[in-house]
């Protein structure tokens, strides 16, 4: 238990800046390399196969979020319980986590694989995709669904490693798979392109990389982990309610991104046709990838907030929250400035047609205009998840992804002469409103923490 004690002591005593360096930097690197899977698929496919193929991979992306949602449901819920159990020194709870995680993964991943592979075409038609884009997307997404178990286990178990505070090992494992994917992508595309299957080559490269990542992760928990062991593989009734409640709010962010992007693609198709679907696909590729480092920052924040809350260090939870919010905002600038300054350059990474790049540059900049405030929003959502306040996290996620966004995405193109431009304005306007709501909810939670600190004394 020395490793457990050392990690717990670090989480309870290190400054916010030290925690960001020790926890978030490895998590950010790890999450970024995970994000490279789909991003590099789109880059390689766009450059090596063609613009239509890139559009096919782009319209498939929202549905890959089904697996991301499942792994997040299981992983964030398990990691939240783990960090608070570490704070309380509750080893009995710790011992149940991995067996429960594996059982949940088996049940949910098999369901996604079977249903996804049978109804791939019907699912993709929800985006408004037609013709060659639709047919190509079906081939790509069906292969991705076949590897659901590998990606779900690897990602959810990796979140448990981060919840344990083992951020460097978690980063190295995910990094290995991502680097392998980047190496395999062009190789498999070239090999299979000869038979007219370039997009399928990208999907196979992704599945092979995810399988290897899952195998390494399983080996770690069987042979190397000092605190978390795999005991009996079964559903634990004592853990399920909290995993599902806390993990559900995190899953909503992933699954509702599916709904959000599906609506955007559909509205873009109706208001602008295939060309605007391709522009939107490139813009959302950048936005989705740029969100990943902020998610990585939050993964470092989660064990720090949860462990301190479990140890009843309430004032320290507030201090850490402010520190991570500031750090996430600084991190956001790294992605925000290039897009706002040179949108054409960034779009050209995905689109080889210069006329399409010029056509979409202004709307791309508008869509990305509120990205700078997302660092605070993801920190706020993670704070509520870490403290077991799932309802507050869910409110922010539902409002941002569905309740406010969908009406705006549908109605704004009909306002004045906005047309297709309203599609790109909707996400930015939604985030501005949610930012204000998020501030109010965090201030309310800070007041609760202050009251708990007074009661403790």
Protein backbone atom coordinates (compact mmCIF):
# COMPACT_ATOMS: atom_id res chain seq x y z
CA UNK A 1 0.00 0.00 0.00
CA UNK A 2 3.04 2.33 -0.08
CA UNK A 3 2.22 3.40 -3.62
CA UNK A 4 -1.35 4.12 -2.58
CA UNK A 5 -0.19 6.15 0.40
CA UNK A 6 2.30 8.13 -1.69
CA UNK A 7 -0.31 8.99 -4.32
CA UNK A 8 -2.88 9.93 -1.69
CA UNK A 9 -0.38 12.17 0.11
CA UNK A 10 0.53 13.92 -3.13
CA UNK A 11 -3.13 14.54 -3.99
CA UNK A 12 -3.78 15.96 -0.52
CA UNK A 13 -0.71 18.19 -0.20
CA UNK A 14 0.67 19.29 -3.59
CA UNK A 15 -0.15 22.77 -4.93
CA UNK A 16 -2.62 23.14 -7.83
CA UNK A 17 0.29 23.92 -10.18
CA UNK A 18 2.17 20.79 -9.07
CA UNK A 19 -0.98 18.70 -9.54
CA UNK A 20 -1.47 20.09 -13.05
CA UNK A 21 2.11 19.14 -13.94
CA UNK A 22 2.02 15.71 -12.30
CA UNK A 23 -1.53 14.71 -13.19
CA UNK A 24 -2.83 16.75 -16.10
CA UNK A 25 0.20 16.92 -18.38
CA UNK A 26 0.42 13.12 -18.75
CA UNK A 27 -3.39 12.94 -19.03
CA UNK A 28 -3.43 15.65 -21.72
CA UNK A 29 -0.76 13.86 -23.75
CA UNK A 30 -2.60 10.57 -23.31
CA UNK A 31 -5.98 12.00 -24.34
CA UNK A 32 -4.49 13.89 -27.30
CA UNK A 33 -2.93 10.75 -28.71
CA UNK A 34 -6.27 8.96 -28.30
CA UNK A 35 -7.89 11.80 -30.22
CA UNK A 36 -5.38 11.30 -32.99
CA UNK A 37 -7.10 8.01 -33.92
CA UNK A 38 -10.05 9.58 -35.72
CA UNK A 39 -8.29 12.82 -36.60
CA UNK A 40 -5.47 11.05 -38.41
CA UNK A 41 -7.99 8.77 -40.14
CA UNK A 42 -9.56 11.91 -41.59
CA UNK A 43 -6.25 13.55 -42.47
CA UNK A 44 -4.83 10.46 -44.20
CA UNK A 45 -8.09 9.61 -45.93
CA UNK A 46 -8.59 13.21 -47.06
CA UNK A 47 -5.07 13.46 -48.49
CA UNK A 48 -4.64 9.89 -49.81
CA UNK A 49 -8.16 8.84 -50.88
CA UNK A 50 -10.14 12.03 -51.55
CA UNK A 51 -12.53 14.71 -50.31
CA UNK A 52 -15.63 12.48 -50.51
CA UNK A 53 -13.87 9.79 -48.47
CA UNK A 54 -12.92 12.39 -45.83
CA UNK A 55 -16.57 13.44 -45.72
CA UNK A 56 -17.56 9.80 -45.19
CA UNK A 57 -15.20 9.40 -42.24
CA UNK A 58 -16.44 12.73 -40.84
CA UNK A 59 -20.14 11.80 -40.91
CA UNK A 60 -19.20 8.47 -39.29
CA UNK A 61 -17.43 10.20 -36.40
CA UNK A 62 -20.52 11.10 -34.32
CA UNK A 63 -21.43 7.40 -34.15
CA UNK A 64 -17.99 6.42 -32.90
CA UNK A 65 -19.05 8.46 -29.87
CA UNK A 66 -21.34 5.57 -28.91
CA UNK A 67 -18.25 3.64 -27.84
CA UNK A 68 -16.72 6.75 -26.28
CA UNK A 69 -19.94 7.18 -24.31
CA UNK A 70 -19.88 3.62 -23.00
CA UNK A 71 -16.22 3.74 -22.01
CA UNK A 72 -16.80 7.11 -20.34
CA UNK A 73 -19.87 5.85 -18.48
CA UNK A 74 -17.89 2.94 -17.05
CA UNK A 75 -14.52 4.67 -16.69
CA UNK A 76 -15.53 8.01 -15.16
CA UNK A 77 -18.02 6.37 -12.81
CA UNK A 78 -15.42 3.83 -11.67
CA UNK A 79 -12.65 6.44 -11.35
CA UNK A 80 -14.88 8.74 -9.29
CA UNK A 81 -15.61 5.92 -6.82
CA UNK A 82 -11.93 4.94 -6.78
CA UNK A 83 -10.56 8.41 -5.97
CA UNK A 84 -12.99 8.92 -3.10
CA UNK A 85 -12.29 5.37 -1.82
CA UNK A 86 -8.58 6.20 -1.84
CA UNK A 87 -9.32 9.38 0.13
CA UNK A 88 -11.27 7.32 2.69
CA UNK A 89 -8.74 4.41 2.64
CA UNK A 90 -11.53 1.98 1.64
CA UNK A 91 -9.62 -0.95 0.08
CA UNK A 92 -12.67 -3.22 -0.02
CA UNK A 93 -14.32 -0.91 -2.56
CA UNK A 94 -11.08 -0.59 -4.54
CA UNK A 95 -10.89 -4.39 -4.88
CA UNK A 96 -14.29 -4.59 -6.58
CA UNK A 97 -13.72 -1.98 -9.28
CA UNK A 98 -11.89 -3.84 -12.08
CA UNK A 99 -14.01 -7.02 -12.04
CA UNK A 100 -17.13 -4.88 -12.26
CA UNK A 101 -15.59 -2.78 -15.04
CA UNK A 102 -14.80 -5.82 -17.19
CA UNK A 103 -18.29 -7.26 -16.73
CA UNK A 104 -19.94 -3.99 -17.75
CA UNK A 105 -17.67 -3.70 -20.79
CA UNK A 106 -18.51 -7.19 -22.00
CA UNK A 107 -22.26 -6.66 -21.78
CA UNK A 108 -22.44 -3.19 -23.32
CA UNK A 109 -19.75 -3.62 -25.99
CA UNK A 110 -21.22 -6.82 -27.42
CA UNK A 111 -24.61 -5.08 -27.67
CA UNK A 112 -23.07 -2.14 -29.57
CA UNK A 113 -21.18 -4.43 -31.95
CA UNK A 114 -24.22 -6.52 -32.86
CA UNK A 115 -26.72 -3.66 -33.20
CA UNK A 116 -24.21 -1.29 -34.83
CA UNK A 117 -23.07 -3.70 -37.52
CA UNK A 118 -26.64 -4.69 -38.42
CA UNK A 119 -28.05 -1.17 -38.63
CA UNK A 120 -25.02 0.79 -39.86
CA UNK A 121 -26.70 2.24 -42.96
CA UNK A 122 -29.88 3.22 -41.14
CA UNK A 123 -27.84 4.96 -38.43
CA UNK A 124 -25.79 6.95 -40.94
CA UNK A 125 -28.83 8.20 -42.85
CA UNK A 126 -29.66 10.28 -39.76
CA UNK A 127 -26.85 12.66 -40.76
CA UNK A 128 -28.48 13.35 -44.12
CA UNK A 129 -25.58 11.61 -45.90
CA UNK A 130 -26.43 10.25 -49.34
CA UNK A 131 -24.88 8.58 -52.36
CA UNK A 132 -21.16 7.93 -52.38
CA UNK A 133 -20.54 9.56 -49.00
CA UNK A 134 -23.14 7.30 -47.38
CA UNK A 135 -21.92 4.10 -49.04
CA UNK A 136 -18.30 4.78 -48.12
CA UNK A 137 -19.26 5.69 -44.54
CA UNK A 138 -21.13 2.39 -44.11
CA UNK A 139 -17.97 0.41 -44.94
CA UNK A 140 -15.84 2.46 -42.53
CA UNK A 141 -18.23 2.52 -39.56
CA UNK A 142 -19.11 -1.17 -39.72
CA UNK A 143 -15.45 -2.06 -39.15
CA UNK A 144 -15.20 0.44 -36.28
CA UNK A 145 -18.22 -1.15 -34.57
CA UNK A 146 -16.52 -4.57 -34.84
CA UNK A 147 -13.77 -3.36 -32.48
CA UNK A 148 -16.08 -1.93 -29.80
CA UNK A 149 -14.94 -4.23 -26.99
CA UNK A 150 -11.27 -3.36 -27.45
CA UNK A 151 -11.69 0.41 -27.42
CA UNK A 152 -14.23 0.39 -24.59
CA UNK A 153 -12.12 -1.73 -22.26
CA UNK A 154 -8.89 0.11 -23.07
CA UNK A 155 -10.37 3.57 -22.55
CA UNK A 156 -12.45 2.84 -19.44
CA UNK A 157 -9.61 0.95 -17.74
CA UNK A 158 -7.26 3.79 -18.63
CA UNK A 159 -9.59 6.21 -16.83
CA UNK A 160 -9.32 4.01 -13.73
CA UNK A 161 -5.53 4.22 -13.99
CA UNK A 162 -5.82 8.02 -14.09
CA UNK A 163 -8.22 7.93 -11.15
CA UNK A 164 -5.56 5.97 -9.30
CA UNK A 165 -3.11 8.78 -10.07
CA UNK A 166 -0.94 6.63 -12.37
CA UNK A 167 -1.03 9.20 -15.16
CA UNK A 168 2.33 8.49 -16.82
CA UNK A 169 1.66 4.79 -17.31
CA UNK A 170 -1.84 5.58 -18.60
CA UNK A 171 -0.31 8.03 -21.09
CA UNK A 172 2.31 5.54 -22.30
CA UNK A 173 -0.25 2.80 -22.91
CA UNK A 174 -2.64 4.99 -24.90
CA UNK A 175 0.28 6.65 -26.65
CA UNK A 176 1.55 3.29 -27.88
CA UNK A 177 -1.77 2.52 -29.55
CA UNK A 178 -2.09 5.98 -31.11
CA UNK A 179 1.44 5.98 -32.54
CA UNK A 180 0.81 2.53 -33.96
CA UNK A 181 -2.40 3.81 -35.57
CA UNK A 182 -0.54 6.73 -37.18
CA UNK A 183 2.03 4.29 -38.58
CA UNK A 184 -0.55 1.75 -39.80
CA UNK A 185 -3.00 4.27 -41.33
CA UNK A 186 -1.01 5.17 -44.48
CA UNK A 187 0.28 1.61 -44.83
CA UNK A 188 -3.17 0.00 -44.72
CA UNK A 189 -4.69 2.73 -46.92
CA UNK A 190 -2.03 2.18 -49.59
CA UNK A 191 -2.37 -1.59 -49.47
CA UNK A 192 -6.16 -1.64 -49.65
CA UNK A 193 -6.52 1.35 -51.97
CA UNK A 194 -5.31 -0.89 -54.80
CA UNK A 195 -8.59 -2.79 -54.43
CA UNK A 196 -10.67 0.37 -53.99
CA UNK A 197 -10.82 -0.07 -50.20
CA UNK A 198 -8.74 2.86 -48.92
CA UNK A 199 -11.28 3.94 -46.28
CA UNK A 200 -11.57 0.36 -45.02
CA UNK A 201 -7.78 0.32 -44.62
CA UNK A 202 -7.97 3.30 -42.25
CA UNK A 203 -10.67 1.57 -40.18
CA UNK A 204 -8.68 -1.68 -39.95
CA UNK A 205 -5.58 0.25 -38.82
CA UNK A 206 -7.66 1.78 -36.02
CA UNK A 207 -9.08 -1.56 -34.87
CA UNK A 208 -5.66 -3.27 -34.82
CA UNK A 209 -4.22 -0.41 -32.75
CA UNK A 210 -7.13 -0.54 -30.29
CA UNK A 211 -6.76 -4.30 -29.87
CA UNK A 212 -3.08 -3.92 -28.97
CA UNK A 213 -3.87 -1.10 -26.52
CA UNK A 214 -6.51 -3.26 -24.82
CA UNK A 215 -4.08 -6.19 -24.56
CA UNK A 216 -1.38 -4.04 -22.92
CA UNK A 217 -3.94 -2.56 -20.51
CA UNK A 218 -5.17 -6.00 -19.46
CA UNK A 219 -1.58 -7.16 -18.93
CA UNK A 220 -0.93 -4.15 -16.68
CA UNK A 221 -3.82 -4.90 -14.35
CA UNK A 222 -3.00 -8.62 -14.25
CA UNK A 223 0.71 -8.23 -13.58
CA UNK A 224 1.81 -4.72 -12.62
CA UNK A 225 -0.85 -2.75 -10.75
CA UNK A 226 -0.03 -2.57 -7.03
CA UNK A 227 -3.31 -1.11 -5.81
CA UNK A 228 -6.03 -2.31 -8.23
CA UNK A 229 -6.30 -6.01 -9.00
CA UNK A 230 -8.72 -8.03 -11.11
CA UNK A 231 -10.58 -10.34 -8.73
CA UNK A 232 -13.88 -11.99 -9.71
CA UNK A 233 -15.41 -10.66 -12.95
CA UNK A 234 -18.99 -9.82 -12.01
CA UNK A 235 -21.42 -6.95 -11.65
CA UNK A 236 -21.21 -5.43 -8.17
CA UNK A 237 -24.59 -4.23 -6.95
CA UNK A 238 -22.90 -2.00 -4.37
CA UNK A 239 -21.04 -0.07 -7.09
CA UNK A 240 -23.48 0.00 -10.00
CA UNK A 241 -25.87 2.77 -8.80
CA UNK A 242 -23.07 5.30 -8.27
CA UNK A 243 -21.12 4.29 -11.38
CA UNK A 244 -24.24 4.72 -13.48
CA UNK A 245 -25.30 8.02 -11.89
CA UNK A 246 -21.88 9.70 -12.01
CA UNK A 247 -20.83 8.04 -15.27
CA UNK A 248 -24.15 8.89 -16.91
CA UNK A 249 -23.47 12.62 -16.79
CA UNK A 250 -20.06 12.05 -18.36
CA UNK A 251 -21.52 9.69 -20.95
CA UNK A 252 -24.11 12.31 -21.86
CA UNK A 253 -21.35 14.59 -23.07
CA UNK A 254 -20.11 11.91 -25.46
CA UNK A 255 -23.45 10.52 -26.62
CA UNK A 256 -25.05 13.93 -26.96
CA UNK A 257 -22.13 15.00 -29.08
CA UNK A 258 -23.38 12.24 -31.40
CA UNK A 259 -26.83 13.82 -31.41
CA UNK A 260 -25.42 17.34 -31.71
CA UNK A 261 -23.18 16.59 -34.68
CA UNK A 262 -25.85 14.46 -36.37
CA UNK A 263 -28.24 17.43 -36.22
CA UNK A 264 -25.54 19.78 -37.52
CA UNK A 265 -24.73 17.54 -40.50
CA UNK A 266 -28.43 17.14 -41.28
CA UNK A 267 -29.18 20.89 -41.11
CA UNK A 268 -26.02 21.66 -43.11
CA UNK A 269 -27.11 19.21 -45.83
CA UNK A 270 -30.55 20.84 -46.06
CA UNK A 271 -29.20 24.39 -46.11
CA UNK A 272 -25.95 23.99 -48.04
CA UNK A 273 -25.63 20.54 -49.60
CA UNK A 274 -22.61 18.22 -49.81
CA UNK A 275 -20.00 20.99 -49.99
CA UNK A 276 -21.09 22.47 -46.67
CA UNK A 277 -21.22 19.00 -45.10
CA UNK A 278 -17.56 18.59 -46.07
CA UNK A 279 -16.65 22.03 -44.64
CA UNK A 280 -18.59 21.28 -41.45
CA UNK A 281 -16.87 17.89 -41.18
CA UNK A 282 -13.44 19.52 -41.29
CA UNK A 283 -14.45 22.24 -38.80
CA UNK A 284 -15.90 19.71 -36.35
CA UNK A 285 -12.79 17.55 -36.73
CA UNK A 286 -10.68 20.41 -35.41
CA UNK A 287 -13.16 21.36 -32.70
CA UNK A 288 -13.48 17.77 -31.48
CA UNK A 289 -9.72 17.28 -31.40
CA UNK A 290 -9.14 20.62 -29.67
CA UNK A 291 -11.61 19.61 -26.94
CA UNK A 292 -9.56 16.52 -26.10
CA UNK A 293 -6.68 18.32 -24.28
CA UNK A 294 -9.26 20.04 -22.08
CA UNK A 295 -10.78 16.65 -21.35
CA UNK A 296 -7.26 15.47 -20.49
CA UNK A 297 -6.86 18.38 -18.07
CA UNK A 298 -10.12 17.36 -16.41
CA UNK A 299 -8.87 13.77 -16.06
CA UNK A 300 -5.98 15.08 -13.98
CA UNK A 301 -8.38 17.25 -11.98
CA UNK A 302 -10.78 14.40 -11.18
CA UNK A 303 -8.62 12.34 -8.77
CA UNK A 304 -7.37 15.52 -7.07
CA UNK A 305 -10.89 16.85 -6.45
CA UNK A 306 -12.38 13.46 -5.54
CA UNK A 307 -9.62 12.42 -3.14
CA UNK A 308 -9.62 15.77 -1.32
CA UNK A 309 -13.40 15.71 -1.05
CA UNK A 310 -13.27 12.16 0.33
CA UNK A 311 -10.66 13.32 2.87
CA UNK A 312 -12.93 16.28 3.82
CA UNK A 313 -10.45 18.90 2.59
CA UNK A 314 -13.23 21.14 1.32
CA UNK A 315 -11.35 24.44 1.08
CA UNK A 316 -8.61 22.68 -0.83
CA UNK A 317 -11.19 21.40 -3.34
CA UNK A 318 -12.11 25.03 -4.11
CA UNK A 319 -8.47 26.06 -4.47
CA UNK A 320 -7.72 23.16 -6.81
CA UNK A 321 -10.82 23.91 -8.90
CA UNK A 322 -9.74 27.52 -9.48
CA UNK A 323 -6.19 26.45 -10.32
CA UNK A 324 -7.29 23.87 -12.88
CA UNK A 325 -9.84 26.26 -14.42
CA UNK A 326 -7.07 28.81 -15.01
CA UNK A 327 -4.72 26.15 -16.39
CA UNK A 328 -7.40 24.84 -18.77
CA UNK A 329 -8.05 28.33 -20.10
CA UNK A 330 -4.35 28.87 -20.81
CA UNK A 331 -4.26 25.49 -22.54
CA UNK A 332 -7.24 26.48 -24.69
CA UNK A 333 -5.31 29.45 -26.07
CA UNK A 334 -2.89 27.06 -27.80
CA UNK A 335 -5.71 25.86 -30.07
CA UNK A 336 -7.87 28.98 -30.07
CA UNK A 337 -5.33 31.43 -31.50
CA UNK A 338 -4.27 29.46 -34.64
CA UNK A 339 -7.89 28.90 -35.70
CA UNK A 340 -8.90 32.52 -35.15
CA UNK A 341 -5.75 33.89 -36.85
CA UNK A 342 -5.36 31.43 -39.75
CA UNK A 343 -8.59 29.45 -40.33
CA UNK A 344 -7.78 28.76 -43.99
CA UNK A 345 -4.48 27.13 -43.11
CA UNK A 346 -6.12 24.82 -40.56
CA UNK A 347 -8.99 23.87 -42.91
CA UNK A 348 -6.52 23.06 -45.69
CA UNK A 349 -5.17 20.17 -43.60
CA UNK A 350 -8.45 18.37 -44.30
CA UNK A 351 -9.73 19.87 -47.56
CA UNK A 352 -7.59 19.98 -50.70
CA UNK A 353 -10.11 22.09 -52.67
CA UNK A 354 -8.97 25.70 -52.11
CA UNK A 355 -12.36 27.14 -53.09
CA UNK A 356 -14.07 25.14 -50.33
CA UNK A 357 -11.44 26.29 -47.85
CA UNK A 358 -12.06 29.94 -48.73
CA UNK A 359 -15.82 29.41 -48.64
CA UNK A 360 -15.78 27.98 -45.12
CA UNK A 361 -13.05 29.98 -43.37
CA UNK A 362 -15.30 32.67 -41.85
CA UNK A 363 -17.86 30.22 -40.51
CA UNK A 364 -15.10 28.00 -39.11
CA UNK A 365 -13.74 30.97 -37.16
CA UNK A 366 -17.25 31.76 -35.86
CA UNK A 367 -17.90 28.16 -34.74
CA UNK A 368 -14.61 28.18 -32.82
CA UNK A 369 -15.06 31.65 -31.28
CA UNK A 370 -16.24 30.42 -27.85
CA UNK A 371 -13.76 27.55 -27.54
CA UNK A 372 -11.73 29.70 -25.12
CA UNK A 373 -14.40 29.30 -22.38
CA UNK A 374 -14.63 25.51 -22.63
CA UNK A 375 -11.71 25.03 -20.21
CA UNK A 376 -13.82 26.38 -17.38
CA UNK A 377 -16.93 24.46 -18.48
CA UNK A 378 -15.24 21.04 -18.57
CA UNK A 379 -13.62 21.73 -15.18
CA UNK A 380 -17.02 22.63 -13.72
CA UNK A 381 -18.65 19.47 -15.09
CA UNK A 382 -15.77 17.32 -13.79
CA UNK A 383 -16.01 18.97 -10.36
CA UNK A 384 -19.62 17.86 -9.97
CA UNK A 385 -18.81 14.36 -11.22
CA UNK A 386 -15.88 14.07 -8.79
CA UNK A 387 -18.02 15.10 -5.82
CA UNK A 388 -20.81 12.68 -6.76
CA UNK A 389 -23.12 15.58 -7.73
CA UNK A 390 -24.25 13.95 -10.97
CA UNK A 391 -27.43 16.03 -11.35
CA UNK A 392 -25.55 19.33 -11.63
CA UNK A 393 -23.15 17.88 -14.18
CA UNK A 394 -26.07 16.51 -16.16
CA UNK A 395 -27.83 19.89 -16.21
CA UNK A 396 -24.83 21.55 -17.86
CA UNK A 397 -24.33 18.72 -20.34
CA UNK A 398 -28.00 18.41 -21.35
CA UNK A 399 -28.39 22.16 -21.81
CA UNK A 400 -25.20 22.45 -23.84
CA UNK A 401 -25.61 19.40 -26.03
CA UNK A 402 -29.38 19.16 -26.50
CA UNK A 403 -31.86 21.48 -24.79
CA UNK A 404 -30.39 24.78 -25.98
CA UNK A 405 -28.28 23.67 -28.89
CA UNK A 406 -30.76 21.71 -31.04
CA UNK A 407 -33.45 24.44 -31.13
CA UNK A 408 -30.76 26.99 -32.06
CA UNK A 409 -29.26 24.76 -34.78
CA UNK A 410 -32.69 24.28 -36.35
CA UNK A 411 -34.04 27.83 -35.94
CA UNK A 412 -31.02 30.10 -36.53
CA UNK A 413 -30.66 29.19 -40.25
CA UNK A 414 -34.25 30.46 -40.65
CA UNK A 415 -33.54 33.80 -38.96
CA UNK A 416 -33.03 36.66 -41.40
CA UNK A 417 -30.61 35.71 -44.12
CA UNK A 418 -28.37 33.52 -41.94
CA UNK A 419 -29.05 30.28 -43.80
CA UNK A 420 -26.07 27.90 -43.55
CA UNK A 421 -24.20 30.43 -41.40
CA UNK A 422 -26.72 29.84 -38.63
CA UNK A 423 -25.51 26.25 -38.39
CA UNK A 424 -22.05 27.46 -37.42
CA UNK A 425 -23.37 30.19 -35.09
CA UNK A 426 -25.52 27.80 -33.01
CA UNK A 427 -22.67 26.04 -31.08
CA UNK A 428 -20.93 29.34 -30.28
CA UNK A 429 -24.08 31.01 -28.99
CA UNK A 430 -24.99 27.95 -26.93
CA UNK A 431 -21.58 27.83 -25.22
CA UNK A 432 -21.84 31.52 -24.28
CA UNK A 433 -25.13 30.90 -22.46
CA UNK A 434 -23.89 27.72 -20.74
CA UNK A 435 -20.77 29.54 -19.55
CA UNK A 436 -22.93 31.92 -17.50
CA UNK A 437 -25.02 29.05 -16.07
CA UNK A 438 -21.82 27.13 -15.22
CA UNK A 439 -20.43 30.06 -13.24
CA UNK A 440 -23.62 30.26 -11.18
CA UNK A 441 -23.61 26.51 -10.41
CA UNK A 442 -19.94 26.50 -9.39
CA UNK A 443 -20.45 29.50 -7.09
CA UNK A 444 -23.36 27.63 -5.49
CA UNK A 445 -21.18 24.52 -4.98
CA UNK A 446 -18.38 26.63 -3.51
CA UNK A 447 -20.89 27.93 -0.96
CA UNK A 448 -21.79 24.33 -0.05
CA UNK A 449 -18.11 23.47 0.37
CA UNK A 450 -17.61 26.48 2.63
CA UNK A 451 -20.52 25.34 4.81
CA UNK A 452 -19.08 21.79 5.02
CA UNK A 453 -15.73 23.24 6.09
CA UNK A 454 -17.41 25.20 8.87
CA UNK A 455 -19.29 22.11 10.07
CA UNK A 456 -16.03 20.13 10.12
CA UNK A 457 -14.42 22.69 12.39
